[in-house]
Amino acid sequence: MDEDMARIVATTGTVVSRQLTELYETLNQHLPDEMQLRLGIASVLAEVGLCIIEPAFKACPALRTEFERRLEKYGRAS
């Protein structure tokens, strides 16, 4: 995958991760007994990182640094 495609993949993966994290936190706050649902979300989050974001970072290692710098500075990678 070229750099442009890696950036698209990594950006999409981080957006999905952020949305799932927000959903997890909302469920945790409002439906604390829904442990199975939260576990499912956590599982999907792990898969997004492993199967979507990591391959993009491997294809273009400079993206990892770019995303980490943005995360540190703004609290979000995309």
N, C-alpha and C. Protein backbone atom coordinates (compact mmCIF):
# COMPACT_ATOMS: atom_id res chain seq x y z
N MET A 1 0.86 -1.17 0.00
CA MET A 1 0.00 0.00 0.00
C MET A 1 0.90 1.22 0.00
N ASP A 2 0.54 2.22 -0.81
CA ASP A 2 1.35 3.43 -0.85
C ASP A 2 1.00 4.36 0.32
N GLU A 3 1.75 5.44 0.45
CA GLU A 3 1.59 6.35 1.59
C GLU A 3 0.19 6.97 1.65
N ASP A 4 -0.34 7.37 0.53
CA ASP A 4 -1.67 7.97 0.53
C ASP A 4 -2.73 6.99 1.04
N MET A 5 -2.67 5.76 0.52
CA MET A 5 -3.65 4.76 0.95
C MET A 5 -3.44 4.41 2.42
N ALA A 6 -2.20 4.31 2.86
CA ALA A 6 -1.92 4.02 4.27
C ALA A 6 -2.50 5.11 5.17
N ARG A 7 -2.40 6.36 4.74
CA ARG A 7 -2.96 7.47 5.53
C ARG A 7 -4.49 7.37 5.59
N ILE A 8 -5.11 7.04 4.47
CA ILE A 8 -6.57 6.86 4.45
C ILE A 8 -6.98 5.74 5.38
N VAL A 9 -6.30 4.62 5.30
CA VAL A 9 -6.63 3.46 6.14
C VAL A 9 -6.43 3.78 7.62
N ALA A 10 -5.28 4.37 7.96
CA ALA A 10 -4.99 4.69 9.36
C ALA A 10 -5.96 5.73 9.91
N THR A 11 -6.29 6.72 9.11
CA THR A 11 -7.22 7.75 9.55
C THR A 11 -8.60 7.16 9.80
N THR A 12 -9.06 6.35 8.88
CA THR A 12 -10.37 5.72 9.06
C THR A 12 -10.38 4.82 10.28
N GLY A 13 -9.30 4.05 10.46
CA GLY A 13 -9.20 3.19 11.63
C GLY A 13 -9.24 3.97 12.94
N THR A 14 -8.57 5.10 12.98
CA THR A 14 -8.57 5.89 14.22
C THR A 14 -9.93 6.54 14.48
N VAL A 15 -10.63 6.95 13.41
CA VAL A 15 -11.96 7.52 13.57
C VAL A 15 -12.91 6.45 14.13
N VAL A 16 -12.87 5.27 13.56
CA VAL A 16 -13.71 4.18 14.04
C VAL A 16 -13.37 3.86 15.49
N SER A 17 -12.10 3.82 15.81
CA SER A 17 -11.68 3.52 17.19
C SER A 17 -12.19 4.57 18.16
N ARG A 18 -12.09 5.83 17.75
CA ARG A 18 -12.57 6.91 18.63
C ARG A 18 -14.07 6.79 18.87
N GLN A 19 -14.82 6.51 17.82
CA GLN A 19 -16.27 6.37 17.97
C GLN A 19 -16.63 5.17 18.85
N LEU A 20 -15.95 4.07 18.66
CA LEU A 20 -16.22 2.90 19.50
C LEU A 20 -15.83 3.15 20.95
N THR A 21 -14.75 3.88 21.17
CA THR A 21 -14.34 4.21 22.53
C THR A 21 -15.40 5.09 23.20
N GLU A 22 -15.92 6.06 22.46
CA GLU A 22 -16.98 6.91 23.00
C GLU A 22 -18.22 6.08 23.33
N LEU A 23 -18.58 5.14 22.47
CA LEU A 23 -19.71 4.27 22.73
C LEU A 23 -19.48 3.42 23.97
N TYR A 24 -18.27 2.89 24.09
CA TYR A 24 -17.92 2.08 25.26
C TYR A 24 -18.10 2.90 26.53
N GLU A 25 -17.58 4.12 26.53
CA GLU A 25 -17.68 4.98 27.71
C GLU A 25 -19.13 5.34 28.03
N THR A 26 -19.93 5.60 27.01
CA THR A 26 -21.35 5.89 27.22
C THR A 26 -22.06 4.70 27.83
N LEU A 27 -21.82 3.52 27.29
CA LEU A 27 -22.43 2.31 27.85
C LEU A 27 -21.98 2.08 29.28
N ASN A 28 -20.71 2.29 29.52
CA ASN A 28 -20.17 2.09 30.87
C ASN A 28 -20.84 3.01 31.87
N GLN A 29 -21.13 4.23 31.44
CA GLN A 29 -21.75 5.21 32.33
C GLN A 29 -23.25 4.96 32.50
N HIS A 30 -23.95 4.64 31.42
CA HIS A 30 -25.41 4.57 31.47
C HIS A 30 -25.97 3.15 31.57
N LEU A 31 -25.22 2.17 31.12
CA LEU A 31 -25.67 0.77 31.19
C LEU A 31 -24.54 -0.10 31.74
N PRO A 32 -24.17 0.13 32.99
CA PRO A 32 -23.01 -0.57 33.54
C PRO A 32 -23.17 -2.09 33.59
N ASP A 33 -24.40 -2.60 33.53
CA ASP A 33 -24.61 -4.04 33.58
C ASP A 33 -24.41 -4.72 32.22
N GLU A 34 -24.24 -3.96 31.17
CA GLU A 34 -24.07 -4.51 29.82
C GLU A 34 -22.62 -4.90 29.56
N MET A 35 -22.09 -5.77 30.39
CA MET A 35 -20.69 -6.17 30.28
C MET A 35 -20.40 -6.88 28.95
N GLN A 36 -21.30 -7.75 28.52
CA GLN A 36 -21.08 -8.50 27.28
C GLN A 36 -20.94 -7.56 26.08
N LEU A 37 -21.78 -6.54 26.02
CA LEU A 37 -21.72 -5.57 24.94
C LEU A 37 -20.40 -4.80 24.99
N ARG A 38 -19.99 -4.38 26.17
CA ARG A 38 -18.72 -3.66 26.31
C ARG A 38 -17.55 -4.55 25.93
N LEU A 39 -17.60 -5.82 26.28
CA LEU A 39 -16.54 -6.75 25.88
C LEU A 39 -16.49 -6.89 24.36
N GLY A 40 -17.65 -6.91 23.74
CA GLY A 40 -17.70 -6.98 22.28
C GLY A 40 -17.06 -5.76 21.64
N ILE A 41 -17.35 -4.60 22.18
CA ILE A 41 -16.75 -3.36 21.67
C ILE A 41 -15.24 -3.38 21.87
N ALA A 42 -14.80 -3.82 23.03
CA ALA A 42 -13.36 -3.90 23.29
C ALA A 42 -12.68 -4.86 22.31
N SER A 43 -13.34 -5.95 22.00
CA SER A 43 -12.81 -6.91 21.05
C SER A 43 -12.67 -6.29 19.66
N VAL A 44 -13.69 -5.57 19.24
CA VAL A 44 -13.64 -4.91 17.93
C VAL A 44 -12.54 -3.85 17.91
N LEU A 45 -12.40 -3.11 18.99
CA LEU A 45 -11.33 -2.11 19.08
C LEU A 45 -9.95 -2.74 18.88
N ALA A 46 -9.74 -3.87 19.52
CA ALA A 46 -8.47 -4.57 19.37
C ALA A 46 -8.24 -5.00 17.93
N GLU A 47 -9.28 -5.49 17.29
CA GLU A 47 -9.18 -5.93 15.90
C GLU A 47 -8.92 -4.76 14.96
N VAL A 48 -9.55 -3.64 15.20
CA VAL A 48 -9.32 -2.45 14.36
C VAL A 48 -7.84 -2.06 14.45
N GLY A 49 -7.31 -2.06 15.65
CA GLY A 49 -5.90 -1.73 15.82
C GLY A 49 -5.00 -2.72 15.13
N LEU A 50 -5.25 -3.98 15.35
CA LEU A 50 -4.39 -5.04 14.82
C LEU A 50 -4.53 -5.23 13.31
N CYS A 51 -5.74 -5.19 12.82
CA CYS A 51 -5.99 -5.56 11.42
C CYS A 51 -6.11 -4.37 10.46
N ILE A 52 -6.29 -3.18 10.98
CA ILE A 52 -6.46 -2.02 10.11
C ILE A 52 -5.35 -0.98 10.33
N ILE A 53 -5.20 -0.52 11.56
CA ILE A 53 -4.24 0.56 11.82
C ILE A 53 -2.80 0.06 11.71
N GLU A 54 -2.49 -1.06 12.32
CA GLU A 54 -1.10 -1.56 12.29
C GLU A 54 -0.60 -1.84 10.87
N PRO A 55 -1.39 -2.47 10.00
CA PRO A 55 -0.89 -2.66 8.63
C PRO A 55 -0.59 -1.35 7.91
N ALA A 56 -1.39 -0.32 8.18
CA ALA A 56 -1.11 0.98 7.58
C ALA A 56 0.20 1.55 8.11
N PHE A 57 0.43 1.42 9.41
CA PHE A 57 1.68 1.91 9.99
C PHE A 57 2.88 1.11 9.50
N LYS A 58 2.70 -0.18 9.26
CA LYS A 58 3.80 -0.99 8.73
C LYS A 58 4.11 -0.61 7.29
N ALA A 59 3.09 -0.27 6.54
CA ALA A 59 3.30 0.13 5.15
C ALA A 59 3.98 1.48 5.05
N CYS A 60 3.73 2.33 6.02
CA CYS A 60 4.31 3.68 6.03
C CYS A 60 4.67 4.05 7.47
N PRO A 61 5.84 3.62 7.94
CA PRO A 61 6.22 3.82 9.35
C PRO A 61 6.19 5.28 9.83
N ALA A 62 6.40 6.22 8.94
CA ALA A 62 6.37 7.63 9.36
C ALA A 62 4.98 8.04 9.84
N LEU A 63 3.94 7.34 9.39
CA LEU A 63 2.58 7.65 9.84
C LEU A 63 2.42 7.46 11.34
N ARG A 64 3.03 6.41 11.87
CA ARG A 64 2.92 6.16 13.31
C ARG A 64 3.39 7.38 14.09
N THR A 65 4.55 7.90 13.72
CA THR A 65 5.11 9.07 14.39
C THR A 65 4.19 10.27 14.22
N GLU A 66 3.69 10.46 13.01
CA GLU A 66 2.77 11.57 12.74
C GLU A 66 1.52 11.47 13.61
N PHE A 67 0.92 10.29 13.66
CA PHE A 67 -0.29 10.10 14.44
C PHE A 67 -0.03 10.24 15.94
N GLU A 68 1.08 9.70 16.42
CA GLU A 68 1.42 9.81 17.84
C GLU A 68 1.67 11.26 18.24
N ARG A 69 2.34 12.02 17.36
CA ARG A 69 2.60 13.44 17.64
C ARG A 69 1.28 14.21 17.72
N ARG A 70 0.38 13.94 16.79
CA ARG A 70 -0.92 14.60 16.78
C ARG A 70 -1.73 14.22 18.02
N LEU A 71 -1.68 12.96 18.39
CA LEU A 71 -2.40 12.49 19.58
C LEU A 71 -1.88 13.19 20.83
N GLU A 72 -0.57 13.31 20.93
CA GLU A 72 0.02 13.98 22.09
C GLU A 72 -0.34 15.46 22.12
N LYS A 73 -0.31 16.11 20.97
CA LYS A 73 -0.55 17.55 20.91
C LYS A 73 -2.03 17.91 21.05
N TYR A 74 -2.91 17.13 20.37
CA TYR A 74 -4.32 17.49 20.32
C TYR A 74 -5.26 16.53 21.05
N GLY A 75 -4.72 15.41 21.50
CA GLY A 75 -5.55 14.44 22.18
C GLY A 75 -6.34 13.55 21.23
N ARG A 76 -6.02 13.63 19.95
CA ARG A 76 -6.64 12.78 18.94
C ARG A 76 -5.71 12.69 17.74
N ALA A 77 -5.77 11.56 17.08
CA ALA A 77 -4.86 11.32 15.95
C ALA A 77 -5.46 11.75 14.62
N SER A 78 -6.78 11.81 14.56
CA SER A 78 -7.43 12.21 13.32
C SER A 78 -8.73 12.94 13.63
